[in-house]
Amino acid sequence: MAASSGASTRVTYVPNLPMIEAAAQMYGGMGVAIATPQIEEAARAIAPVRTGAFQDSIQSEVIGTHGRVWSDIRYAAYLEFGTSDTPTFATLRRATDAVHI
């Protein structure tokens, strides 16, 4: 693996689009917006913690009926998707699944 250039890597998990459509219909177009803070809370609760930096880096925002949850810490992609020597934690995916949108 090449040495890091110091640039931040932003990882955003985008949930299954048909599920978003179903949630939007169920909540009158606000399904994802309503669930976004819950997904952030769930992600923080299940995030692997060594120093707490990854857990603290998890953020969310709601713009209209769209919401997104992300971590901008440089190693977030390695934790989310795993590497040859790091297990896949899938924190954002599992948090979305836990909220059932």
Protein backbone atom coordinates (compact mmCIF):
# COMPACT_ATOMS: atom_id res chain seq x y z
CA MET A 1 0.00 0.00 0.00
CA ALA A 2 1.30 3.46 -0.87
CA ALA A 3 2.03 6.00 1.81
CA SER A 4 -0.77 8.43 2.56
CA SER A 5 -0.44 11.89 1.08
CA GLY A 6 -2.16 13.29 4.16
CA ALA A 7 -5.37 13.92 2.25
CA SER A 8 -8.59 13.06 4.01
CA THR A 9 -10.70 10.22 2.63
CA ARG A 10 -14.42 10.75 2.88
CA VAL A 11 -16.63 7.68 3.10
CA THR A 12 -20.35 7.98 2.61
CA TYR A 13 -22.68 5.00 2.73
CA VAL A 14 -25.71 5.38 0.47
CA PRO A 15 -28.60 3.09 1.47
CA ASN A 16 -30.61 0.98 -0.98
CA LEU A 17 -32.64 3.37 -3.16
CA PRO A 18 -35.87 1.30 -3.26
CA MET A 19 -35.85 1.28 0.55
CA ILE A 20 -35.46 5.06 0.57
CA GLU A 21 -38.45 5.38 -1.76
CA ALA A 22 -40.55 3.16 0.52
CA ALA A 23 -39.51 5.14 3.61
CA ALA A 24 -40.23 8.43 1.85
CA GLN A 25 -43.75 7.27 1.00
CA MET A 26 -44.33 5.96 4.52
CA TYR A 27 -43.26 9.24 6.17
CA GLY A 28 -44.76 11.61 3.61
CA GLY A 29 -41.47 12.31 1.84
CA MET A 30 -39.45 12.76 5.03
CA GLY A 31 -38.38 9.13 5.68
CA VAL A 32 -34.66 9.60 5.19
CA ALA A 33 -34.64 13.03 6.81
CA ILE A 34 -36.34 11.59 9.90
CA ALA A 35 -34.03 8.56 10.03
CA THR A 36 -30.73 10.40 9.44
CA PRO A 37 -30.06 11.41 13.08
CA GLN A 38 -31.00 7.90 14.20
CA ILE A 39 -28.53 6.40 11.72
CA GLU A 40 -25.77 8.71 13.00
CA GLU A 41 -26.55 7.73 16.60
CA ALA A 42 -26.56 4.02 15.72
CA ALA A 43 -23.25 4.35 13.81
CA ARG A 44 -21.59 6.03 16.79
CA ALA A 45 -22.92 3.29 19.08
CA ILE A 46 -21.53 0.41 16.98
CA ALA A 47 -18.33 2.07 15.72
CA PRO A 48 -15.11 0.29 16.65
CA VAL A 49 -13.30 2.35 19.29
CA ARG A 50 -9.58 2.41 19.86
CA THR A 51 -9.00 6.14 20.35
CA GLY A 52 -12.54 7.40 19.74
CA ALA A 53 -11.47 9.46 16.72
CA PHE A 54 -13.51 7.43 14.22
CA GLN A 55 -16.55 7.49 16.46
CA ASP A 56 -16.22 11.26 16.90
CA SER A 57 -15.82 11.79 13.13
CA ILE A 58 -19.25 10.36 12.25
CA GLN A 59 -21.52 13.19 11.10
CA SER A 60 -24.86 13.65 9.41
CA GLU A 61 -26.87 16.34 7.68
CA VAL A 62 -30.38 16.71 6.35
CA ILE A 63 -31.16 18.90 3.36
CA GLY A 64 -34.83 18.90 2.48
CA THR A 65 -35.92 15.28 2.18
CA HIS A 66 -32.36 13.99 1.72
CA GLY A 67 -30.07 12.88 4.51
CA ARG A 68 -26.54 11.59 4.60
CA VAL A 69 -24.23 10.12 7.21
CA TRP A 70 -20.45 10.06 6.78
CA SER A 71 -17.04 9.97 8.38
CA ASP A 72 -14.24 12.12 7.00
CA ILE A 73 -11.43 10.55 8.99
CA ARG A 74 -8.72 9.33 6.60
CA TYR A 75 -9.04 5.63 7.49
CA ALA A 76 -12.86 5.44 7.46
CA ALA A 77 -12.92 3.49 4.19
CA TYR A 78 -10.60 0.84 5.67
CA LEU A 79 -12.93 0.39 8.64
CA GLU A 80 -16.08 0.37 6.52
CA PHE A 81 -14.88 -1.98 3.78
CA GLY A 82 -11.89 -3.73 5.40
CA THR A 83 -8.42 -4.46 4.02
CA SER A 84 -6.27 -7.56 3.70
CA ASP A 85 -5.42 -7.29 7.40
CA THR A 86 -8.37 -5.27 8.78
CA PRO A 87 -11.83 -6.81 9.16
CA THR A 88 -14.85 -5.21 7.53
CA PHE A 89 -16.73 -3.32 10.25
CA ALA A 90 -19.37 -1.84 7.88
CA THR A 91 -20.35 0.66 10.57
CA LEU A 92 -22.45 2.93 8.33
CA ARG A 93 -24.15 0.05 6.52
CA ARG A 94 -25.01 -1.77 9.75
CA ALA A 95 -26.29 1.46 11.31
CA THR A 96 -28.60 2.00 8.33
CA ASP A 97 -29.83 -1.59 8.59
CA ALA A 98 -30.43 -1.16 12.33
CA VAL A 99 -32.70 1.83 11.75
CA HIS A 100 -34.79 -0.13 9.20
CA ILE A 101 -35.27 2.45 6.49
